[in-house]
Amino acid sequence: MERKLHYINEGPGGYVVYTNGEVEIKLFFQYGGGNCVALIFAPTIEKWVKKTNTALSDRNEILTFIANQCIKDQAPNCTFELFDDRIEILEK
């Protein structure tokens, strides 16, 4: 199965939608300020399984894929940081 992202823009934010087969994870994002290009909000570790129907052991890999694909698609020359509740896309 091929993992994909698509984007729903709604003004100063929107959604990043991750799909992999029957799995769909819809994460809210908003544009940042300063060197932060965007914030993508993710369920915390405690809420991950319930909100995404995916294993907690897959969380870091899925969020890393989302961050890297967002950079490739929308923000070349950026990097990212993972936090408990979000991904920050940052200018280098």
Protein backbone atom coordinates (compact mmCIF):
# COMPACT_ATOMS: atom_id res chain seq x y z
CA MET A 1 0.00 0.00 0.00
CA GLU A 2 1.22 3.44 -0.86
CA ARG A 3 1.35 6.16 1.75
CA LYS A 4 0.10 9.54 0.58
CA LEU A 5 -0.63 13.00 1.86
CA HIS A 6 -3.08 15.54 0.61
CA TYR A 7 -3.81 18.99 1.89
CA ILE A 8 -6.98 20.91 2.63
CA ASN A 9 -6.26 24.64 2.87
CA GLU A 10 -8.67 26.81 4.82
CA GLY A 11 -7.18 30.29 5.10
CA PRO A 12 -4.47 30.48 7.76
CA GLY A 13 -4.61 26.72 8.34
CA GLY A 14 -6.29 23.56 7.24
CA TYR A 15 -5.61 19.84 7.30
CA VAL A 16 -2.87 17.43 6.32
CA VAL A 17 -4.49 14.09 5.49
CA TYR A 18 -2.32 10.95 5.66
CA THR A 19 -3.57 7.79 3.98
CA ASN A 20 -2.11 4.31 3.86
CA GLY A 21 -4.54 1.72 2.60
CA GLU A 22 -7.62 1.93 4.80
CA VAL A 23 -5.88 4.14 7.37
CA GLU A 24 -6.68 7.86 7.21
CA ILE A 25 -5.32 10.37 9.71
CA LYS A 26 -6.49 13.99 9.42
CA LEU A 27 -4.28 16.49 11.29
CA PHE A 28 -5.03 20.20 11.68
CA PHE A 29 -2.27 22.63 10.71
CA GLN A 30 -1.74 26.34 10.96
CA TYR A 31 0.90 28.57 9.49
CA GLY A 32 3.55 29.70 11.94
CA GLY A 33 5.60 32.84 12.45
CA GLY A 34 9.27 33.68 12.69
CA ASN A 35 11.32 30.69 11.58
CA CYS A 36 8.34 28.35 12.10
CA VAL A 37 6.65 27.85 8.72
CA ALA A 38 3.83 25.63 10.00
CA LEU A 39 2.55 23.69 13.00
CA ILE A 40 0.88 20.33 12.41
CA PHE A 41 -1.04 19.17 15.47
CA ALA A 42 -0.93 15.46 16.33
CA PRO A 43 -2.66 13.36 18.98
CA THR A 44 -0.52 12.93 22.07
CA ILE A 45 0.87 9.52 22.96
CA GLU A 46 -2.04 8.96 25.34
CA LYS A 47 -4.63 9.68 22.62
CA TRP A 48 -2.83 8.29 19.56
CA VAL A 49 -4.41 4.82 19.31
CA LYS A 50 -7.95 6.04 19.94
CA LYS A 51 -7.73 9.01 17.54
CA THR A 52 -5.85 7.28 14.69
CA ASN A 53 -6.67 3.56 14.97
CA THR A 54 -2.99 2.81 14.47
CA ALA A 55 -0.46 1.24 16.82
CA LEU A 56 1.46 3.49 19.16
CA SER A 57 4.64 1.78 17.90
CA ASP A 58 3.93 3.29 14.44
CA ARG A 59 3.45 6.86 15.70
CA ASN A 60 6.98 8.20 15.29
CA GLU A 61 7.39 6.66 11.84
CA ILE A 62 4.05 8.05 10.63
CA LEU A 63 4.73 11.54 11.98
CA THR A 64 8.24 11.51 10.49
CA PHE A 65 6.80 10.50 7.11
CA ILE A 66 4.22 13.30 7.34
CA ALA A 67 6.88 15.88 8.22
CA ASN A 68 9.25 14.80 5.45
CA GLN A 69 6.49 14.65 2.84
CA CYS A 70 5.16 18.09 3.83
CA ILE A 71 8.65 19.51 3.44
CA LYS A 72 9.06 17.82 0.05
CA ASP A 73 5.62 18.99 -1.17
CA GLN A 74 5.23 22.42 0.42
CA ALA A 75 8.37 23.72 2.15
CA PRO A 76 11.65 22.84 0.44
CA ASN A 77 14.78 23.82 2.33
CA CYS A 78 13.02 23.38 5.68
CA THR A 79 13.52 20.93 8.50
CA PHE A 80 11.25 19.70 11.28
CA GLU A 81 11.03 18.94 14.97
CA LEU A 82 8.66 16.44 16.57
CA PHE A 83 6.99 17.27 19.87
CA ASP A 84 4.46 15.35 21.95
CA ASP A 85 1.52 17.16 20.38
CA ARG A 86 2.80 18.63 17.12
CA ILE A 87 5.27 18.76 14.26
CA GLU A 88 7.00 22.09 13.66
CA ILE A 89 8.19 22.80 10.12
CA LEU A 90 11.12 25.18 10.45
CA GLU A 91 13.24 27.27 8.11
CA LYS A 92 16.85 26.10 8.08
